Amino acid sequence: MARYTQAPAQTPAQAAAANRTRGPNRPQDPATSEQRLIRTLASKARVDAVLEAHVIEVQARLNRLVAGWDGVEEPVAGKGSQTVAKLALISPRSAVPATTVVLKLWDSRGNLLWTNRMGFAALAVREGMGSKLRERPLSEVLRNRTGVSRWLAAVFSSLRSAPDAASF
């Protein structure tokens, strides 16, 4: 799985300052080049919109064997282990690797119509009653068609409920 890191967020003032200090030999604003790429893709593929997807690895907080991140909670152990974890007086807190998908829907002119960031899958699971977590590759998660379909339905339900969804 490819790993991506995200640039730190900038305030509008920081972004404006960066744009003012950019010299003539420096590349243009990344959003502008991204818009050009989207327009080129839409034109060559003869489509009305382009869906861009980024899969990134993040750390999910783990509380009582349930990983939580980017609006999603996923158990990393079976129901028996979860019950025992709930009964424990002190719950070990840690983190596990997980994936998040960032989707952007662009129109053919390169205008951003919709964006969504939602957790996809925990990349570590506990098998049996042991305390060790097993690394779970993304390909294993993708083979679960029911889970992927459920995730897609949740993501795109936010698109249907967008204020200007009638324009789609």
N, C-alpha and C. Protein backbone atom coordinates (compact mmCIF):
# COMPACT_ATOMS: atom_id res chain seq x y z
N MET A 1 0.84 -1.17 0.00
CA MET A 1 0.00 0.00 0.00
C MET A 1 0.89 1.23 0.00
N ALA A 2 0.56 2.17 -0.83
CA ALA A 2 1.29 3.42 -0.86
C ALA A 2 0.95 4.23 0.38
N ARG A 3 1.91 4.93 0.90
CA ARG A 3 1.68 5.75 2.08
C ARG A 3 1.81 7.21 1.68
N TYR A 4 0.88 8.01 2.13
CA TYR A 4 0.87 9.42 1.81
C TYR A 4 0.88 10.21 3.10
N THR A 5 1.53 11.33 3.05
CA THR A 5 1.45 12.24 4.18
C THR A 5 0.76 13.50 3.71
N GLN A 6 0.10 14.16 4.61
CA GLN A 6 -0.62 15.36 4.24
C GLN A 6 0.18 16.58 4.68
N ALA A 7 0.11 17.62 3.85
CA ALA A 7 0.76 18.87 4.20
C ALA A 7 0.02 19.51 5.37
N PRO A 8 0.75 20.23 6.22
CA PRO A 8 0.06 20.89 7.34
C PRO A 8 -0.93 21.92 6.81
N ALA A 9 -2.02 22.10 7.54
CA ALA A 9 -3.05 23.05 7.12
C ALA A 9 -2.51 24.46 7.21
N GLN A 10 -2.95 25.31 6.28
CA GLN A 10 -2.55 26.71 6.27
C GLN A 10 -3.79 27.57 6.47
N THR A 11 -3.59 28.67 7.15
CA THR A 11 -4.67 29.64 7.26
C THR A 11 -4.73 30.41 5.95
N PRO A 12 -5.85 31.06 5.63
CA PRO A 12 -5.92 31.85 4.41
C PRO A 12 -4.82 32.92 4.34
N ALA A 13 -4.48 33.51 5.49
CA ALA A 13 -3.42 34.53 5.50
C ALA A 13 -2.07 33.92 5.13
N GLN A 14 -1.79 32.72 5.64
CA GLN A 14 -0.53 32.05 5.31
C GLN A 14 -0.48 31.69 3.83
N ALA A 15 -1.59 31.21 3.29
CA ALA A 15 -1.64 30.86 1.87
C ALA A 15 -1.44 32.09 1.01
N ALA A 16 -2.07 33.21 1.37
CA ALA A 16 -1.92 34.45 0.60
C ALA A 16 -0.48 34.93 0.65
N ALA A 17 0.15 34.84 1.83
CA ALA A 17 1.54 35.26 1.96
C ALA A 17 2.45 34.39 1.12
N ALA A 18 2.20 33.10 1.09
CA ALA A 18 3.00 32.19 0.28
C ALA A 18 2.85 32.51 -1.21
N ASN A 19 1.64 32.83 -1.63
CA ASN A 19 1.41 33.18 -3.03
C ASN A 19 2.10 34.50 -3.40
N ARG A 20 2.14 35.48 -2.48
CA ARG A 20 2.80 36.76 -2.76
C ARG A 20 4.30 36.59 -2.88
N THR A 21 4.89 35.67 -2.09
CA THR A 21 6.35 35.51 -2.10
C THR A 21 6.83 34.59 -3.21
N ARG A 22 5.93 33.97 -3.92
CA ARG A 22 6.31 33.04 -4.98
C ARG A 22 6.94 33.83 -6.12
N GLY A 23 8.11 33.44 -6.52
CA GLY A 23 8.81 34.13 -7.61
C GLY A 23 8.33 33.67 -8.97
N PRO A 24 8.79 34.34 -10.04
CA PRO A 24 8.33 33.99 -11.39
C PRO A 24 8.81 32.63 -11.86
N ASN A 25 9.94 32.12 -11.32
CA ASN A 25 10.47 30.83 -11.76
C ASN A 25 9.90 29.65 -10.98
N ARG A 26 9.11 29.93 -9.95
CA ARG A 26 8.54 28.85 -9.14
C ARG A 26 7.28 28.32 -9.80
N PRO A 27 6.93 27.06 -9.51
CA PRO A 27 5.72 26.50 -10.11
C PRO A 27 4.48 27.25 -9.63
N GLN A 28 3.44 27.17 -10.44
CA GLN A 28 2.19 27.85 -10.10
C GLN A 28 1.52 27.15 -8.94
N ASP A 29 0.48 27.79 -8.43
CA ASP A 29 -0.28 27.27 -7.31
C ASP A 29 -0.72 25.83 -7.59
N PRO A 30 -0.54 24.88 -6.64
CA PRO A 30 -0.91 23.49 -6.88
C PRO A 30 -2.39 23.31 -7.23
N ALA A 31 -3.26 24.10 -6.66
CA ALA A 31 -4.69 23.97 -6.98
C ALA A 31 -4.93 24.28 -8.45
N THR A 32 -4.21 25.27 -8.99
CA THR A 32 -4.36 25.62 -10.39
C THR A 32 -3.88 24.49 -11.29
N SER A 33 -2.73 23.89 -10.97
CA SER A 33 -2.24 22.79 -11.77
C SER A 33 -3.15 21.57 -11.63
N GLU A 34 -3.73 21.38 -10.44
CA GLU A 34 -4.67 20.28 -10.23
C GLU A 34 -5.92 20.50 -11.08
N GLN A 35 -6.39 21.74 -11.12
CA GLN A 35 -7.56 22.04 -11.95
C GLN A 35 -7.27 21.79 -13.42
N ARG A 36 -6.06 22.16 -13.86
CA ARG A 36 -5.69 21.90 -15.27
C ARG A 36 -5.68 20.40 -15.56
N LEU A 37 -5.15 19.63 -14.61
CA LEU A 37 -5.11 18.18 -14.77
C LEU A 37 -6.52 17.62 -14.86
N ILE A 38 -7.41 18.07 -14.01
CA ILE A 38 -8.79 17.60 -14.02
C ILE A 38 -9.45 17.94 -15.35
N ARG A 39 -9.25 19.18 -15.83
CA ARG A 39 -9.83 19.57 -17.13
C ARG A 39 -9.31 18.69 -18.25
N THR A 40 -8.00 18.41 -18.24
CA THR A 40 -7.40 17.56 -19.28
C THR A 40 -7.97 16.14 -19.22
N LEU A 41 -8.05 15.58 -18.02
CA LEU A 41 -8.62 14.23 -17.87
C LEU A 41 -10.06 14.18 -18.36
N ALA A 42 -10.86 15.15 -17.96
CA ALA A 42 -12.27 15.18 -18.35
C ALA A 42 -12.41 15.32 -19.86
N SER A 43 -11.56 16.12 -20.45
CA SER A 43 -11.64 16.34 -21.89
C SER A 43 -11.25 15.08 -22.66
N LYS A 44 -10.12 14.49 -22.29
CA LYS A 44 -9.64 13.30 -23.01
C LYS A 44 -10.56 12.10 -22.80
N ALA A 45 -11.14 11.97 -21.61
CA ALA A 45 -12.03 10.84 -21.34
C ALA A 45 -13.47 11.14 -21.76
N ARG A 46 -13.72 12.40 -22.13
CA ARG A 46 -15.06 12.85 -22.54
C ARG A 46 -16.11 12.55 -21.47
N VAL A 47 -15.82 13.03 -20.27
CA VAL A 47 -16.74 12.85 -19.15
C VAL A 47 -17.12 14.21 -18.58
N ASP A 48 -18.20 14.22 -17.81
CA ASP A 48 -18.68 15.46 -17.20
C ASP A 48 -18.06 15.73 -15.84
N ALA A 49 -17.49 14.70 -15.20
CA ALA A 49 -16.93 14.85 -13.86
C ALA A 49 -15.81 13.85 -13.65
N VAL A 50 -14.96 14.16 -12.69
CA VAL A 50 -13.83 13.29 -12.34
C VAL A 50 -13.86 13.08 -10.83
N LEU A 51 -13.78 11.81 -10.41
CA LEU A 51 -13.72 11.48 -8.99
C LEU A 51 -12.28 11.14 -8.65
N GLU A 52 -11.69 11.93 -7.77
CA GLU A 52 -10.32 11.74 -7.34
C GLU A 52 -10.34 11.05 -5.98
N ALA A 53 -9.52 10.03 -5.80
CA ALA A 53 -9.49 9.28 -4.54
C ALA A 53 -8.06 9.17 -4.03
N HIS A 54 -7.87 9.49 -2.76
CA HIS A 54 -6.58 9.33 -2.10
C HIS A 54 -6.78 8.40 -0.92
N VAL A 55 -5.97 7.35 -0.84
CA VAL A 55 -6.00 6.43 0.30
C VAL A 55 -4.77 6.77 1.14
N ILE A 56 -5.01 7.13 2.39
CA ILE A 56 -3.90 7.50 3.26
C ILE A 56 -3.92 6.62 4.51
N GLU A 57 -2.74 6.40 5.05
CA GLU A 57 -2.64 5.63 6.29
C GLU A 57 -2.60 6.60 7.45
N VAL A 58 -3.40 6.32 8.47
CA VAL A 58 -3.49 7.16 9.66
C VAL A 58 -3.37 6.27 10.89
N GLN A 59 -3.29 6.88 12.05
CA GLN A 59 -3.31 6.14 13.31
C GLN A 59 -4.69 6.31 13.93
N ALA A 60 -5.35 5.20 14.21
CA ALA A 60 -6.68 5.22 14.82
C ALA A 60 -6.52 5.00 16.32
N ARG A 61 -7.25 5.79 17.12
CA ARG A 61 -7.19 5.59 18.58
C ARG A 61 -7.91 4.28 18.90
N LEU A 62 -7.38 3.56 19.83
CA LEU A 62 -7.93 2.27 20.22
C LEU A 62 -8.41 2.36 21.65
N ASN A 63 -9.70 2.12 21.87
CA ASN A 63 -10.28 2.18 23.21
C ASN A 63 -11.17 0.95 23.38
N ARG A 64 -10.81 0.10 24.33
CA ARG A 64 -11.57 -1.13 24.60
C ARG A 64 -11.76 -1.98 23.34
N LEU A 65 -10.65 -2.11 22.58
CA LEU A 65 -10.57 -2.93 21.37
C LEU A 65 -11.47 -2.44 20.23
N VAL A 66 -11.82 -1.16 20.25
CA VAL A 66 -12.56 -0.54 19.16
C VAL A 66 -11.73 0.62 18.65
N ALA A 67 -11.36 0.57 17.36
CA ALA A 67 -10.58 1.64 16.75
C ALA A 67 -11.54 2.73 16.27
N GLY A 68 -11.18 3.97 16.48
CA GLY A 68 -12.00 5.09 16.04
C GLY A 68 -11.15 6.14 15.35
N TRP A 69 -11.58 6.58 14.17
CA TRP A 69 -10.86 7.61 13.42
C TRP A 69 -11.74 8.12 12.28
N ASP A 70 -11.61 9.37 11.95
CA ASP A 70 -12.28 10.00 10.80
C ASP A 70 -13.74 9.60 10.65
N GLY A 71 -14.48 9.64 11.75
CA GLY A 71 -15.91 9.38 11.70
C GLY A 71 -16.31 7.92 11.66
N VAL A 72 -15.38 7.01 11.90
CA VAL A 72 -15.66 5.57 11.82
C VAL A 72 -15.18 4.89 13.10
N GLU A 73 -15.92 3.89 13.53
CA GLU A 73 -15.47 3.02 14.61
C GLU A 73 -15.51 1.58 14.10
N GLU A 74 -14.44 0.84 14.37
CA GLU A 74 -14.36 -0.55 13.91
C GLU A 74 -13.73 -1.41 14.99
N PRO A 75 -14.41 -2.50 15.37
CA PRO A 75 -13.80 -3.41 16.35
C PRO A 75 -12.59 -4.11 15.73
N VAL A 76 -11.54 -4.27 16.53
CA VAL A 76 -10.36 -4.98 16.04
C VAL A 76 -10.26 -6.37 16.67
N ALA A 77 -11.31 -6.78 17.38
CA ALA A 77 -11.34 -8.10 18.00
C ALA A 77 -12.77 -8.63 17.96
N GLY A 78 -12.90 -9.92 18.24
CA GLY A 78 -14.22 -10.54 18.26
C GLY A 78 -15.07 -10.07 19.43
N LYS A 79 -16.33 -10.47 19.43
CA LYS A 79 -17.28 -10.02 20.45
C LYS A 79 -16.88 -10.47 21.86
N GLY A 80 -16.33 -11.68 22.00
CA GLY A 80 -15.91 -12.17 23.32
C GLY A 80 -14.82 -11.30 23.91
N SER A 81 -13.82 -10.96 23.11
CA SER A 81 -12.73 -10.10 23.58
C SER A 81 -13.24 -8.71 23.91
N GLN A 82 -14.18 -8.22 23.13
CA GLN A 82 -14.73 -6.88 23.38
C GLN A 82 -15.49 -6.85 24.71
N THR A 83 -16.23 -7.92 24.99
CA THR A 83 -16.98 -8.00 26.24
C THR A 83 -16.02 -7.97 27.43
N VAL A 84 -14.96 -8.74 27.35
CA VAL A 84 -13.96 -8.77 28.42
C VAL A 84 -13.33 -7.38 28.56
N ALA A 85 -13.04 -6.72 27.44
CA ALA A 85 -12.44 -5.38 27.49
C ALA A 85 -13.38 -4.37 28.14
N LYS A 86 -14.69 -4.51 27.91
CA LYS A 86 -15.65 -3.59 28.51
C LYS A 86 -15.75 -3.78 30.02
N LEU A 87 -15.53 -5.02 30.49
CA LEU A 87 -15.62 -5.32 31.91
C LEU A 87 -14.36 -4.92 32.67
N ALA A 88 -13.27 -4.73 31.96
CA ALA A 88 -12.01 -4.37 32.62
C ALA A 88 -12.13 -3.00 33.26
N LEU A 89 -11.57 -2.84 34.44
CA LEU A 89 -11.64 -1.55 35.14
C LEU A 89 -10.81 -0.50 34.43
N ILE A 90 -9.65 -0.90 33.95
CA ILE A 90 -8.78 0.03 33.24
C ILE A 90 -8.66 -0.48 31.80
N SER A 91 -9.00 0.38 30.88
CA SER A 91 -8.93 0.01 29.48
C SER A 91 -7.63 0.51 28.87
N PRO A 92 -6.83 -0.40 28.31
CA PRO A 92 -5.59 0.07 27.68
C PRO A 92 -5.94 0.93 26.45
N ARG A 93 -5.30 2.05 26.37
CA ARG A 93 -5.52 2.95 25.23
C ARG A 93 -4.24 2.98 24.41
N SER A 94 -4.40 2.84 23.12
CA SER A 94 -3.26 2.89 22.23
C SER A 94 -3.76 3.26 20.85
N ALA A 95 -2.98 2.97 19.84
CA ALA A 95 -3.37 3.30 18.47
C ALA A 95 -3.03 2.14 17.56
N VAL A 96 -3.77 2.03 16.48
CA VAL A 96 -3.51 1.01 15.46
C VAL A 96 -3.49 1.70 14.10
N PRO A 97 -2.78 1.12 13.14
CA PRO A 97 -2.81 1.70 11.80
C PRO A 97 -4.17 1.48 11.14
N ALA A 98 -4.59 2.46 10.37
CA ALA A 98 -5.88 2.40 9.68
C ALA A 98 -5.77 3.17 8.37
N THR A 99 -6.79 3.03 7.54
CA THR A 99 -6.81 3.78 6.28
C THR A 99 -8.00 4.73 6.27
N THR A 100 -7.79 5.84 5.63
CA THR A 100 -8.82 6.84 5.39
C THR A 100 -8.82 7.12 3.90
N VAL A 101 -9.99 7.34 3.34
CA VAL A 101 -10.10 7.68 1.92
C VAL A 101 -10.62 9.10 1.82
N VAL A 102 -9.93 9.91 1.03
CA VAL A 102 -10.34 11.27 0.75
C VAL A 102 -10.80 11.30 -0.70
N LEU A 103 -12.07 11.64 -0.90
CA LEU A 103 -12.65 11.70 -2.24
C LEU A 103 -12.94 13.15 -2.60
N LYS A 104 -12.68 13.49 -3.87
CA LYS A 104 -13.02 14.82 -4.39
C LYS A 104 -13.70 14.62 -5.73
N LEU A 105 -14.84 15.27 -5.90
CA LEU A 105 -15.57 15.22 -7.16
C LEU A 105 -15.41 16.56 -7.85
N TRP A 106 -14.85 16.53 -9.06
CA TRP A 106 -14.59 17.74 -9.85
C TRP A 106 -15.48 17.75 -11.07
N ASP A 107 -15.93 18.93 -11.48
CA ASP A 107 -16.64 19.01 -12.75
C ASP A 107 -15.62 19.08 -13.88
N SER A 108 -16.07 19.07 -15.12
CA SER A 108 -15.15 19.01 -16.26
C SER A 108 -14.33 20.29 -16.42
N ARG A 109 -14.71 21.38 -15.74
CA ARG A 109 -13.95 22.63 -15.81
C ARG A 109 -12.92 22.74 -14.68
N GLY A 110 -12.87 21.73 -13.81
CA GLY A 110 -11.89 21.74 -12.73
C GLY A 110 -12.39 22.41 -11.47
N ASN A 111 -13.70 22.58 -11.34
CA ASN A 111 -14.28 23.15 -10.12
C ASN A 111 -14.63 22.03 -9.16
N LEU A 112 -14.25 22.20 -7.90
CA LEU A 112 -14.54 21.20 -6.89
C LEU A 112 -16.02 21.25 -6.53
N LEU A 113 -16.71 20.12 -6.73
CA LEU A 113 -18.15 20.05 -6.45
C LEU A 113 -18.43 19.48 -5.06
N TRP A 114 -17.60 18.52 -4.62
CA TRP A 114 -17.88 17.79 -3.38
C TRP A 114 -16.60 17.15 -2.90
N THR A 115 -16.46 17.06 -1.60
CA THR A 115 -15.32 16.36 -1.02
C THR A 115 -15.79 15.60 0.22
N ASN A 116 -15.11 14.50 0.52
CA ASN A 116 -15.47 13.68 1.66
C ASN A 116 -14.21 12.99 2.17
N ARG A 117 -14.05 12.98 3.49
CA ARG A 117 -12.96 12.24 4.12
C ARG A 117 -13.59 11.31 5.14
N MET A 118 -13.36 10.02 4.99
CA MET A 118 -13.98 9.06 5.89
C MET A 118 -13.05 7.87 6.10
N GLY A 119 -12.99 7.42 7.35
CA GLY A 119 -12.19 6.24 7.66
C GLY A 119 -12.69 5.04 6.88
N PHE A 120 -11.76 4.18 6.46
CA PHE A 120 -12.12 3.02 5.65
C PHE A 120 -11.96 1.71 6.41
N ALA A 121 -10.76 1.41 6.89
CA ALA A 121 -10.55 0.12 7.55
C ALA A 121 -9.35 0.17 8.48
N ALA A 122 -9.47 -0.55 9.59
CA ALA A 122 -8.33 -0.75 10.48
C ALA A 122 -7.40 -1.76 9.84
N LEU A 123 -6.10 -1.52 9.95
CA LEU A 123 -5.12 -2.40 9.32
C LEU A 123 -4.45 -3.34 10.32
N ALA A 124 -5.08 -3.50 11.49
CA ALA A 124 -4.60 -4.44 12.49
C ALA A 124 -5.82 -5.05 13.17
N VAL A 125 -5.79 -6.36 13.36
CA VAL A 125 -6.89 -7.06 14.02
C VAL A 125 -6.33 -8.04 15.04
N ARG A 126 -7.14 -8.34 16.01
CA ARG A 126 -6.77 -9.30 17.04
C ARG A 126 -7.50 -10.60 16.75
N GLU A 127 -6.77 -11.68 16.72
CA GLU A 127 -7.37 -12.99 16.48
C GLU A 127 -7.26 -13.83 17.74
N GLY A 128 -8.37 -14.44 18.13
CA GLY A 128 -8.38 -15.27 19.33
C GLY A 128 -8.33 -14.42 20.58
N MET A 129 -7.94 -15.03 21.67
CA MET A 129 -7.92 -14.33 22.96
C MET A 129 -6.54 -13.80 23.29
N GLY A 130 -5.59 -13.93 22.39
CA GLY A 130 -4.25 -13.41 22.64
C GLY A 130 -4.24 -11.89 22.67
N SER A 131 -3.11 -11.32 23.02
CA SER A 131 -3.03 -9.86 23.13
C SER A 131 -2.36 -9.22 21.92
N LYS A 132 -1.88 -10.03 20.99
CA LYS A 132 -1.17 -9.48 19.84
C LYS A 132 -2.13 -9.16 18.70
N LEU A 133 -1.82 -8.08 18.01
CA LEU A 133 -2.58 -7.70 16.83
C LEU A 133 -1.87 -8.19 15.58
N ARG A 134 -2.63 -8.65 14.63
CA ARG A 134 -2.09 -9.11 13.35
C ARG A 134 -2.28 -7.99 12.33
N GLU A 135 -1.23 -7.74 11.55
CA GLU A 135 -1.34 -6.75 10.49
C GLU A 135 -2.27 -7.28 9.41
N ARG A 136 -3.20 -6.45 8.96
CA ARG A 136 -4.17 -6.85 7.94
C ARG A 136 -3.94 -5.99 6.71
N PRO A 137 -3.55 -6.59 5.59
CA PRO A 137 -3.31 -5.79 4.38
C PRO A 137 -4.63 -5.24 3.81
N LEU A 138 -4.53 -4.15 3.12
CA LEU A 138 -5.70 -3.52 2.52
C LEU A 138 -6.39 -4.46 1.54
N SER A 139 -5.62 -5.28 0.85
CA SER A 139 -6.21 -6.22 -0.11
C SER A 139 -7.18 -7.19 0.58
N GLU A 140 -6.88 -7.56 1.82
CA GLU A 140 -7.77 -8.44 2.58
C GLU A 140 -9.10 -7.73 2.89
N VAL A 141 -9.01 -6.46 3.23
CA VAL A 141 -10.21 -5.68 3.52
C VAL A 141 -11.07 -5.55 2.26
N LEU A 142 -10.43 -5.32 1.13
CA LEU A 142 -11.16 -5.11 -0.13
C LEU A 142 -11.88 -6.37 -0.60
N ARG A 143 -11.45 -7.55 -0.16
CA ARG A 143 -12.14 -8.79 -0.55
C ARG A 143 -13.50 -8.94 0.13
N ASN A 144 -13.74 -8.16 1.18
CA ASN A 144 -15.02 -8.19 1.87
C ASN A 144 -16.00 -7.27 1.13
N ARG A 145 -16.67 -7.81 0.13
CA ARG A 145 -17.54 -6.99 -0.73
C ARG A 145 -18.68 -6.34 0.03
N THR A 146 -19.23 -7.04 1.01
CA THR A 146 -20.33 -6.47 1.79
C THR A 146 -19.85 -5.25 2.56
N GLY A 147 -18.69 -5.35 3.20
CA GLY A 147 -18.14 -4.23 3.96
C GLY A 147 -17.82 -3.03 3.07
N VAL A 148 -17.24 -3.30 1.91
CA VAL A 148 -16.90 -2.22 0.98
C VAL A 148 -18.18 -1.56 0.46
N SER A 149 -19.19 -2.34 0.13
CA SER A 149 -20.46 -1.79 -0.34
C SER A 149 -21.12 -0.93 0.73
N ARG A 150 -21.07 -1.38 1.97
CA ARG A 150 -21.65 -0.63 3.08
C ARG A 150 -20.90 0.71 3.25
N TRP A 151 -19.57 0.68 3.13
CA TRP A 151 -18.77 1.90 3.25
C TRP A 151 -19.10 2.87 2.11
N LEU A 152 -19.18 2.36 0.89
CA LEU A 152 -19.50 3.23 -0.25
C LEU A 152 -20.88 3.86 -0.09
N ALA A 153 -21.85 3.09 0.39
CA ALA A 153 -23.20 3.63 0.61
C ALA A 153 -23.16 4.76 1.64
N ALA A 154 -22.39 4.58 2.70
CA ALA A 154 -22.28 5.62 3.73
C ALA A 154 -21.63 6.88 3.17
N VAL A 155 -20.57 6.72 2.40
CA VAL A 155 -19.87 7.87 1.84
C VAL A 155 -20.76 8.63 0.87
N PHE A 156 -21.38 7.93 -0.05
CA PHE A 156 -22.15 8.62 -1.08
C PHE A 156 -23.52 9.07 -0.60
N SER A 157 -23.95 8.61 0.58
CA SER A 157 -25.19 9.15 1.13
C SER A 157 -25.00 10.62 1.49
N SER A 158 -23.78 11.00 1.86
CA SER A 158 -23.53 12.41 2.16
C SER A 158 -23.60 13.25 0.89
N LEU A 159 -23.31 12.68 -0.25
CA LEU A 159 -23.41 13.40 -1.52
C LEU A 159 -24.88 13.64 -1.87
N ARG A 160 -25.72 12.64 -1.63
CA ARG A 160 -27.16 12.78 -1.92
C ARG A 160 -27.81 13.81 -1.01
N SER A 161 -27.28 13.96 0.22
CA SER A 161 -27.90 14.90 1.15
C SER A 161 -27.25 16.28 1.12
N ALA A 162 -26.32 16.52 0.18
CA ALA A 162 -25.67 17.83 0.08
C ALA A 162 -26.73 18.87 -0.30
N PRO A 163 -26.55 20.13 0.17
CA PRO A 163 -27.55 21.17 -0.09
C PRO A 163 -27.85 21.40 -1.57
N ASP A 164 -26.83 21.29 -2.41
CA ASP A 164 -27.08 21.51 -3.83
C ASP A 164 -27.01 20.21 -4.62
N ALA A 165 -27.45 19.10 -3.99
CA ALA A 165 -27.40 17.79 -4.63
C ALA A 165 -28.32 17.73 -5.85
N ALA A 166 -29.32 18.57 -5.92
CA ALA A 166 -30.21 18.57 -7.07
C ALA A 166 -29.47 18.95 -8.34
N SER A 167 -28.35 19.67 -8.21
CA SER A 167 -27.60 20.07 -9.39
C SER A 167 -26.74 18.95 -9.94
N PHE A 168 -26.59 17.84 -9.18
CA PHE A 168 -25.77 16.73 -9.66
C PHE A 168 -26.59 15.91 -10.58
